């Protein structure tokens, strides 16, 4: 659910509302005379490159033993 606030209230409580949007990760619609004029959305967190793929690679311990499946290329 999106929170809606009037521009006058937004002006008076701007800093607290910025903190709330960042903490709750929910957008805030700002209206003027009852009509939406702006949308305040949280910034996506930065992706850390170091360690981004941690846990995504599976290690195989035995890569030289034969398998039970005959390959077409081995014929």
PDB file of N, CA and C in Angstrom:
ATOM      1  N   UNK A   1       0.845  -1.184   0.000  1.00  0.00           N
ATOM      2  CA  UNK A   1       0.000   0.000   0.000  1.00  0.00           C
ATOM      3  C   UNK A   1       0.886   1.241   0.000  1.00  0.00           C
ATOM      4  N   UNK A   2       0.512   2.222  -0.818  1.00  0.00           N
ATOM      5  CA  UNK A   2       1.289   3.448  -0.909  1.00  0.00           C
ATOM      6  C   UNK A   2       0.697   4.505   0.021  1.00  0.00           C
ATOM      7  N   UNK A   3       1.580   5.227   0.687  1.00  0.00           N
ATOM      8  CA  UNK A   3       1.170   6.299   1.570  1.00  0.00           C
ATOM      9  C   UNK A   3       1.033   7.571   0.763  1.00  0.00           C
ATOM     10  N   UNK A   4       0.005   8.333   1.053  1.00  0.00           N
ATOM     11  CA  UNK A   4      -0.251   9.595   0.352  1.00  0.00           C
ATOM     12  C   UNK A   4      -0.187  10.721   1.374  1.00  0.00           C
ATOM     13  N   UNK A   5       0.472  11.826   0.985  1.00  0.00           N
ATOM     14  CA  UNK A   5       0.600  12.975   1.878  1.00  0.00           C
ATOM     15  C   UNK A   5       0.502  14.253   1.056  1.00  0.00           C
ATOM     16  N   UNK A   6      -0.096  15.273   1.637  1.00  0.00           N
ATOM     17  CA  UNK A   6      -0.200  16.570   0.975  1.00  0.00           C
ATOM     18  C   UNK A   6       1.143  17.281   0.952  1.00  0.00           C
ATOM     19  N   UNK A   7       1.334  18.160  -0.023  1.00  0.00           N
ATOM     20  CA  UNK A   7       2.606  18.864  -0.184  1.00  0.00           C
ATOM     21  C   UNK A   7       2.950  19.709   1.046  1.00  0.00           C
ATOM     22  N   UNK A   8       1.955  20.345   1.653  1.00  0.00           N
ATOM     23  CA  UNK A   8       2.204  21.163   2.845  1.00  0.00           C
ATOM     24  C   UNK A   8       2.713  20.328   4.005  1.00  0.00           C
ATOM     25  N   UNK A   9       2.092  19.160   4.227  1.00  0.00           N
ATOM     26  CA  UNK A   9       2.556  18.252   5.285  1.00  0.00           C
ATOM     27  C   UNK A   9       3.932  17.693   4.951  1.00  0.00           C
ATOM     28  N   UNK A  10       4.160  17.399   3.673  1.00  0.00           N
ATOM     29  CA  UNK A  10       5.468  16.894   3.266  1.00  0.00           C
ATOM     30  C   UNK A  10       6.558  17.927   3.558  1.00  0.00           C
ATOM     31  N   UNK A  11       6.261  19.183   3.254  1.00  0.00           N
ATOM     32  CA  UNK A  11       7.242  20.255   3.490  1.00  0.00           C
ATOM     33  C   UNK A  11       7.590  20.357   4.976  1.00  0.00           C
ATOM     34  N   UNK A  12       6.585  20.224   5.826  1.00  0.00           N
ATOM     35  CA  UNK A  12       6.805  20.350   7.269  1.00  0.00           C
ATOM     36  C   UNK A  12       7.556  19.151   7.853  1.00  0.00           C
ATOM     37  N   UNK A  13       7.384  17.971   7.259  1.00  0.00           N
ATOM     38  CA  UNK A  13       7.947  16.744   7.830  1.00  0.00           C
ATOM     39  C   UNK A  13       8.936  16.062   6.884  1.00  0.00           C
ATOM     40  N   UNK A  14       9.505  16.800   5.980  1.00  0.00           N
ATOM     41  CA  UNK A  14      10.327  16.255   4.904  1.00  0.00           C
ATOM     42  C   UNK A  14      11.430  15.315   5.394  1.00  0.00           C
ATOM     43  N   UNK A  15      12.241  15.740   6.322  1.00  0.00           N
ATOM     44  CA  UNK A  15      13.381  14.932   6.759  1.00  0.00           C
ATOM     45  C   UNK A  15      12.938  13.621   7.402  1.00  0.00           C
ATOM     46  N   UNK A  16      11.902  13.670   8.223  1.00  0.00           N
ATOM     47  CA  UNK A  16      11.399  12.449   8.848  1.00  0.00           C
ATOM     48  C   UNK A  16      10.801  11.507   7.800  1.00  0.00           C
ATOM     49  N   UNK A  17      10.094  12.064   6.823  1.00  0.00           N
ATOM     50  CA  UNK A  17       9.498  11.238   5.773  1.00  0.00           C
ATOM     51  C   UNK A  17      10.574  10.570   4.918  1.00  0.00           C
ATOM     52  N   UNK A  18      11.664  11.279   4.649  1.00  0.00           N
ATOM     53  CA  UNK A  18      12.778  10.685   3.910  1.00  0.00           C
ATOM     54  C   UNK A  18      13.346   9.485   4.667  1.00  0.00           C
ATOM     55  N   UNK A  19      13.515   9.638   5.965  1.00  0.00           N
ATOM     56  CA  UNK A  19      14.004   8.535   6.789  1.00  0.00           C
ATOM     57  C   UNK A  19      13.025   7.363   6.788  1.00  0.00           C
ATOM     58  N   UNK A  20      11.726   7.656   6.866  1.00  0.00           N
ATOM     59  CA  UNK A  20      10.703   6.609   6.875  1.00  0.00           C
ATOM     60  C   UNK A  20      10.707   5.809   5.569  1.00  0.00           C
ATOM     61  N   UNK A  21      10.808   6.509   4.439  1.00  0.00           N
ATOM     62  CA  UNK A  21      10.822   5.831   3.140  1.00  0.00           C
ATOM     63  C   UNK A  21      12.061   4.950   3.021  1.00  0.00           C
ATOM     64  N   UNK A  22      13.199   5.448   3.461  1.00  0.00           N
ATOM     65  CA  UNK A  22      14.436   4.661   3.400  1.00  0.00           C
ATOM     66  C   UNK A  22      14.354   3.433   4.302  1.00  0.00           C
ATOM     67  N   UNK A  23      13.761   3.559   5.453  1.00  0.00           N
ATOM     68  CA  UNK A  23      13.679   2.462   6.419  1.00  0.00           C
ATOM     69  C   UNK A  23      12.635   1.427   6.023  1.00  0.00           C
ATOM     70  N   UNK A  24      11.454   1.880   5.627  1.00  0.00           N
ATOM     71  CA  UNK A  24      10.342   0.975   5.334  1.00  0.00           C
ATOM     72  C   UNK A  24      10.359   0.444   3.910  1.00  0.00           C
ATOM     73  N   UNK A  25      11.171   1.073   3.026  1.00  0.00           N
ATOM     74  CA  UNK A  25      11.294   0.665   1.629  1.00  0.00           C
ATOM     75  C   UNK A  25       9.957   0.718   0.898  1.00  0.00           C
ATOM     76  N   UNK A  26       9.091   1.681   1.279  1.00  0.00           N
ATOM     77  CA  UNK A  26       7.780   1.864   0.659  1.00  0.00           C
ATOM     78  C   UNK A  26       7.707   3.251   0.028  1.00  0.00           C
ATOM     79  N   UNK A  27       7.132   3.386  -1.177  1.00  0.00           N
ATOM     80  CA  UNK A  27       7.029   4.696  -1.819  1.00  0.00           C
ATOM     81  C   UNK A  27       6.034   5.614  -1.113  1.00  0.00           C
ATOM     82  N   UNK A  28       6.185   6.899  -1.362  1.00  0.00           N
ATOM     83  CA  UNK A  28       5.320   7.922  -0.776  1.00  0.00           C
ATOM     84  C   UNK A  28       4.824   8.818  -1.909  1.00  0.00           C
ATOM     85  N   UNK A  29       3.513   8.963  -2.029  1.00  0.00           N
ATOM     86  CA  UNK A  29       2.917   9.822  -3.045  1.00  0.00           C
ATOM     87  C   UNK A  29       2.658  11.190  -2.433  1.00  0.00           C
ATOM     88  N   UNK A  30       3.111  12.248  -3.106  1.00  0.00           N
ATOM     89  CA  UNK A  30       2.924  13.617  -2.635  1.00  0.00           C
ATOM     90  C   UNK A  30       1.874  14.271  -3.529  1.00  0.00           C
ATOM     91  N   UNK A  31       0.850  14.863  -2.881  1.00  0.00           N
ATOM     92  CA  UNK A  31      -0.247  15.457  -3.636  1.00  0.00           C
ATOM     93  C   UNK A  31      -0.293  16.967  -3.443  1.00  0.00           C
ATOM     94  N   UNK A  32      -0.894  17.617  -4.408  1.00  0.00           N
ATOM     95  CA  UNK A  32      -1.138  19.046  -4.335  1.00  0.00           C
ATOM     96  C   UNK A  32      -2.594  19.247  -4.755  1.00  0.00           C
ATOM     97  N   UNK A  33      -3.373  19.779  -3.827  1.00  0.00           N
ATOM     98  CA  UNK A  33      -4.817  19.940  -4.022  1.00  0.00           C
ATOM     99  C   UNK A  33      -5.499  18.622  -4.381  1.00  0.00           C
ATOM    100  N   UNK A  34      -5.033  17.548  -3.732  1.00  0.00           N
ATOM    101  CA  UNK A  34      -5.652  16.236  -3.906  1.00  0.00           C
ATOM    102  C   UNK A  34      -5.185  15.442  -5.118  1.00  0.00           C
ATOM    103  N   UNK A  35      -4.329  16.035  -5.966  1.00  0.00           N
ATOM    104  CA  UNK A  35      -3.852  15.340  -7.160  1.00  0.00           C
ATOM    105  C   UNK A  35      -2.375  14.968  -6.988  1.00  0.00           C
ATOM    106  N   UNK A  36      -2.010  13.744  -7.322  1.00  0.00           N
ATOM    107  CA  UNK A  36      -0.609  13.325  -7.177  1.00  0.00           C
ATOM    108  C   UNK A  36       0.306  14.146  -8.089  1.00  0.00           C
ATOM    109  N   UNK A  37       1.407  14.620  -7.518  1.00  0.00           N
ATOM    110  CA  UNK A  37       2.370  15.402  -8.301  1.00  0.00           C
ATOM    111  C   UNK A  37       3.772  14.815  -8.246  1.00  0.00           C
ATOM    112  N   UNK A  38       4.062  13.998  -7.247  1.00  0.00           N
ATOM    113  CA  UNK A  38       5.396  13.421  -7.115  1.00  0.00           C
ATOM    114  C   UNK A  38       5.311  12.097  -6.373  1.00  0.00           C
ATOM    115  N   UNK A  39       6.341  11.288  -6.597  1.00  0.00           N
ATOM    116  CA  UNK A  39       6.435   9.998  -5.917  1.00  0.00           C
ATOM    117  C   UNK A  39       7.846   9.880  -5.364  1.00  0.00           C
ATOM    118  N   UNK A  40       7.947   9.690  -4.067  1.00  0.00           N
ATOM    119  CA  UNK A  40       9.223   9.518  -3.395  1.00  0.00           C
ATOM    120  C   UNK A  40       9.437   8.020  -3.208  1.00  0.00           C
ATOM    121  N   UNK A  41      10.500   7.488  -3.819  1.00  0.00           N
ATOM    122  CA  UNK A  41      10.772   6.053  -3.754  1.00  0.00           C
ATOM    123  C   UNK A  41      12.150   5.819  -3.146  1.00  0.00           C
ATOM    124  N   UNK A  42      12.337   4.690  -2.464  1.00  0.00           N
ATOM    125  CA  UNK A  42      13.651   4.401  -1.888  1.00  0.00           C
ATOM    126  C   UNK A  42      14.657   4.044  -2.983  1.00  0.00           C
ATOM    127  N   UNK A  43      15.904   4.370  -2.752  1.00  0.00           N
ATOM    128  CA  UNK A  43      16.978   4.038  -3.682  1.00  0.00           C
ATOM    129  C   UNK A  43      17.328   2.569  -3.501  1.00  0.00           C
ATOM    130  N   UNK A  44      17.552   1.880  -4.625  1.00  0.00           N
ATOM    131  CA  UNK A  44      17.949   0.476  -4.557  1.00  0.00           C
ATOM    132  C   UNK A  44      19.337   0.378  -3.923  1.00  0.00           C
ATOM    133  N   UNK A  45      19.534  -0.602  -3.064  1.00  0.00           N
ATOM    134  CA  UNK A  45      20.859  -0.755  -2.446  1.00  0.00           C
ATOM    135  C   UNK A  45      21.897  -1.096  -3.496  1.00  0.00           C
ATOM    136  N   UNK A  46      23.127  -0.612  -3.293  1.00  0.00           N
ATOM    137  CA  UNK A  46      24.205  -0.880  -4.226  1.00  0.00           C
ATOM    138  C   UNK A  46      24.603  -2.343  -4.152  1.00  0.00           C
ATOM    139  N   UNK A  47      24.842  -2.925  -5.311  1.00  0.00           N
ATOM    140  CA  UNK A  47      25.276  -4.308  -5.384  1.00  0.00           C
ATOM    141  C   UNK A  47      26.782  -4.360  -5.166  1.00  0.00           C
ATOM    142  N   UNK A  48      27.206  -5.115  -4.196  1.00  0.00           N
ATOM    143  CA  UNK A  48      28.623  -5.290  -3.932  1.00  0.00           C
ATOM    144  C   UNK A  48      29.166  -6.346  -4.890  1.00  0.00           C
ATOM    145  N   UNK A  49      30.188  -5.991  -5.679  1.00  0.00           N
ATOM    146  CA  UNK A  49      30.739  -6.938  -6.636  1.00  0.00           C
ATOM    147  C   UNK A  49      31.537  -8.035  -5.946  1.00  0.00           C
ATOM    148  N   UNK A  50      32.304  -7.677  -4.922  1.00  0.00           N
ATOM    149  CA  UNK A  50      33.098  -8.676  -4.222  1.00  0.00           C
ATOM    150  C   UNK A  50      32.158  -9.573  -3.419  1.00  0.00           C
ATOM    151  N   UNK A  51      32.127 -10.844  -3.740  1.00  0.00           N
ATOM    152  CA  UNK A  51      31.283 -11.802  -3.030  1.00  0.00           C
ATOM    153  C   UNK A  51      29.882 -11.924  -3.592  1.00  0.00           C
ATOM    154  N   UNK A  52      29.588 -11.269  -4.720  1.00  0.00           N
ATOM    155  CA  UNK A  52      28.236 -11.303  -5.281  1.00  0.00           C
ATOM    156  C   UNK A  52      27.834 -12.713  -5.721  1.00  0.00           C
ATOM    157  N   UNK A  53      28.792 -13.528  -6.118  1.00  0.00           N
ATOM    158  CA  UNK A  53      28.484 -14.885  -6.584  1.00  0.00           C
ATOM    159  C   UNK A  53      28.728 -15.956  -5.527  1.00  0.00           C
ATOM    160  N   UNK A  54      28.958 -15.536  -4.298  1.00  0.00           N
ATOM    161  CA  UNK A  54      29.234 -16.487  -3.226  1.00  0.00           C
ATOM    162  C   UNK A  54      28.085 -17.481  -3.086  1.00  0.00           C
ATOM    163  N   UNK A  55      28.431 -18.756  -3.090  1.00  0.00           N
ATOM    164  CA  UNK A  55      27.429 -19.804  -2.938  1.00  0.00           C
ATOM    165  C   UNK A  55      26.743 -20.213  -4.226  1.00  0.00           C
ATOM    166  N   UNK A  56      27.087 -19.603  -5.350  1.00  0.00           N
ATOM    167  CA  UNK A  56      26.408 -19.919  -6.599  1.00  0.00           C
ATOM    168  C   UNK A  56      27.143 -20.968  -7.428  1.00  0.00           C
ATOM    169  N   UNK A  57      28.356 -21.341  -7.041  1.00  0.00           N
ATOM    170  CA  UNK A  57      29.138 -22.325  -7.782  1.00  0.00           C
ATOM    171  C   UNK A  57      29.188 -23.625  -6.981  1.00  0.00           C
ATOM    172  N   UNK A  58      28.919 -24.721  -7.668  1.00  0.00           N
ATOM    173  CA  UNK A  58      28.947 -26.028  -7.035  1.00  0.00           C
ATOM    174  C   UNK A  58      30.254 -26.706  -7.418  1.00  0.00           C
ATOM    175  N   UNK A  59      30.970 -27.202  -6.449  1.00  0.00           N
ATOM    176  CA  UNK A  59      32.221 -27.891  -6.703  1.00  0.00           C
ATOM    177  C   UNK A  59      32.003 -29.384  -6.853  1.00  0.00           C
ATOM    178  N   UNK A  60      32.680 -29.990  -7.816  1.00  0.00           N
ATOM    179  CA  UNK A  60      32.609 -31.435  -8.026  1.00  0.00           C
ATOM    180  C   UNK A  60      33.954 -32.012  -7.613  1.00  0.00           C
ATOM    181  N   UNK A  61      33.936 -32.984  -6.725  1.00  0.00           N
ATOM    182  CA  UNK A  61      35.191 -33.495  -6.187  1.00  0.00           C
ATOM    183  C   UNK A  61      35.878 -34.488  -7.119  1.00  0.00           C
ATOM    184  N   UNK A  62      35.132 -35.311  -7.841  1.00  0.00           N
ATOM    185  CA  UNK A  62      35.729 -36.325  -8.709  1.00  0.00           C
ATOM    186  C   UNK A  62      35.344 -36.042 -10.156  1.00  0.00           C
ATOM    187  N   UNK A  63      36.279 -35.486 -10.916  1.00  0.00           N
ATOM    188  CA  UNK A  63      35.961 -35.121 -12.302  1.00  0.00           C
ATOM    189  C   UNK A  63      36.628 -36.043 -13.320  1.00  0.00           C
ATOM    190  N   UNK A  64      37.352 -37.068 -12.884  1.00  0.00           N
ATOM    191  CA  UNK A  64      38.050 -37.942 -13.815  1.00  0.00           C
ATOM    192  C   UNK A  64      37.474 -39.355 -13.892  1.00  0.00           C
ATOM    193  N   UNK A  65      36.686 -39.781 -12.972  1.00  0.00           N
ATOM    194  CA  UNK A  65      36.100 -41.126 -12.999  1.00  0.00           C
ATOM    195  C   UNK A  65      35.082 -41.227 -14.128  1.00  0.00           C
ATOM    196  N   UNK A  66      35.003 -42.445 -14.737  1.00  0.00           N
ATOM    197  CA  UNK A  66      34.005 -42.627 -15.809  1.00  0.00           C
ATOM    198  C   UNK A  66      32.585 -42.552 -15.256  1.00  0.00           C
ATOM    199  N   UNK A  67      31.671 -42.197 -16.132  1.00  0.00           N
ATOM    200  CA  UNK A  67      30.256 -42.155 -15.753  1.00  0.00           C
ATOM    201  C   UNK A  67      29.544 -43.337 -16.396  1.00  0.00           C
ATOM    202  N   UNK A  68      28.327 -43.610 -15.985  1.00  0.00           N
ATOM    203  CA  UNK A  68      27.573 -44.765 -16.469  1.00  0.00           C
ATOM    204  C   UNK A  68      26.870 -44.503 -17.798  1.00  0.00           C
ATOM    205  N   UNK A  69      26.983 -43.330 -18.329  1.00  0.00           N
ATOM    206  CA  UNK A  69      26.286 -42.980 -19.554  1.00  0.00           C
ATOM    207  C   UNK A  69      27.288 -42.994 -20.710  1.00  0.00           C
ATOM    208  N   UNK A  70      26.904 -43.685 -21.812  1.00  0.00           N
ATOM    209  CA  UNK A  70      27.786 -43.698 -22.980  1.00  0.00           C
ATOM    210  C   UNK A  70      27.476 -42.493 -23.850  1.00  0.00           C
ATOM    211  N   UNK A  71      28.496 -41.782 -24.227  1.00  0.00           N
ATOM    212  CA  UNK A  71      28.320 -40.582 -25.038  1.00  0.00           C
ATOM    213  C   UNK A  71      28.353 -40.950 -26.524  1.00  0.00           C
ATOM    214  N   UNK A  72      27.605 -40.229 -27.290  1.00  0.00           N
ATOM    215  CA  UNK A  72      27.567 -40.433 -28.730  1.00  0.00           C
ATOM    216  C   UNK A  72      28.950 -40.161 -29.332  1.00  0.00           C
ATOM    217  N   UNK A  73      29.684 -39.208 -28.800  1.00  0.00           N
ATOM    218  CA  UNK A  73      31.002 -38.847 -29.320  1.00  0.00           C
ATOM    219  C   UNK A  73      32.045 -39.931 -29.030  1.00  0.00           C
ATOM    220  N   UNK A  74      31.795 -40.812 -28.058  1.00  0.00           N
ATOM    221  CA  UNK A  74      32.748 -41.852 -27.693  1.00  0.00           C
ATOM    222  C   UNK A  74      32.630 -43.068 -28.593  1.00  0.00           C
ATOM    223  N   UNK A  75      31.657 -43.131 -29.486  1.00  0.00           N
ATOM    224  CA  UNK A  75      31.442 -44.292 -30.386  1.00  0.00           C
ATOM    225  C   UNK A  75      32.367 -44.249 -31.571  1.00  0.00           C
TER     226      UNK A  75
END
